[in-house]
Amino acid sequence: MVMDWYSLRVISGKEKSIETSIMREIDE
């Protein structure tokens, strides 16, 4: 699952909002 969000983040590097959203979920 971690790799999934990581891959998505790399593909959508421009969309930092997505990265922050997922990072917040992991932090929780």
C-alpha atoms as a PDB file:
ATOM      1  CA  MET A   1       0.000   0.000   0.000  1.00  0.00           C
ATOM      2  CA  VAL A   2       2.838   2.372   0.831  1.00  0.00           C
ATOM      3  CA  MET A   3       4.350   1.805  -2.594  1.00  0.00           C
ATOM      4  CA  ASP A   4       0.961   2.582  -4.124  1.00  0.00           C
ATOM      5  CA  TRP A   5       0.760   6.080  -2.664  1.00  0.00           C
ATOM      6  CA  TYR A   6       4.471   6.577  -3.319  1.00  0.00           C
ATOM      7  CA  SER A   7       4.029   5.739  -7.004  1.00  0.00           C
ATOM      8  CA  LEU A   8       1.029   8.031  -7.230  1.00  0.00           C
ATOM      9  CA  ARG A   9       3.057  10.802  -5.637  1.00  0.00           C
ATOM     10  CA  VAL A  10       5.886  10.391  -8.140  1.00  0.00           C
ATOM     11  CA  ILE A  11       3.467  10.377 -11.073  1.00  0.00           C
ATOM     12  CA  SER A  12       1.560  13.389  -9.733  1.00  0.00           C
ATOM     13  CA  GLY A  13       4.551  15.229  -8.331  1.00  0.00           C
ATOM     14  CA  LYS A  14       2.899  18.470  -9.389  1.00  0.00           C
ATOM     15  CA  GLU A  15      -0.120  17.742  -7.205  1.00  0.00           C
ATOM     16  CA  LYS A  16       1.468  18.413  -3.828  1.00  0.00           C
ATOM     17  CA  SER A  17      -1.991  18.583  -2.292  1.00  0.00           C
ATOM     18  CA  ILE A  18      -2.376  14.837  -2.898  1.00  0.00           C
ATOM     19  CA  GLU A  19       0.989  14.131  -1.302  1.00  0.00           C
ATOM     20  CA  THR A  20       0.051  16.177   1.748  1.00  0.00           C
ATOM     21  CA  SER A  21      -3.344  14.501   1.946  1.00  0.00           C
ATOM     22  CA  ILE A  22      -1.845  11.018   1.907  1.00  0.00           C
ATOM     23  CA  MET A  23       0.999  12.011   4.215  1.00  0.00           C
ATOM     24  CA  ARG A  24      -1.575  13.282   6.695  1.00  0.00           C
ATOM     25  CA  GLU A  25      -3.384   9.935   6.511  1.00  0.00           C
ATOM     26  CA  ILE A  26      -0.166   8.058   7.241  1.00  0.00           C
ATOM     27  CA  ASP A  27       0.624  10.448  10.084  1.00  0.00           C
ATOM     28  CA  GLU A  28      -2.771   9.685  11.572  1.00  0.00           C
END
